[in-house]
Amino acid sequence: MNKHVDGAEVTWEDHQNINIFNGLNNRFHELEHEMKAAT
């Protein structure tokens, strides 16, 4: 999915922060799943 919206720019820093958030969010959901499985 590679859509361009006029006027919306994503800086390199924004992209890095998005990647960090994505990794942390994935880990959160993994841990949430593990906790549910353990109970």
Foldseek 3Di string as FASTA:
>chain_A
DDDDDPPDDQDPVNVVVVVVVVVVVVVVVVVVVVVVVVD
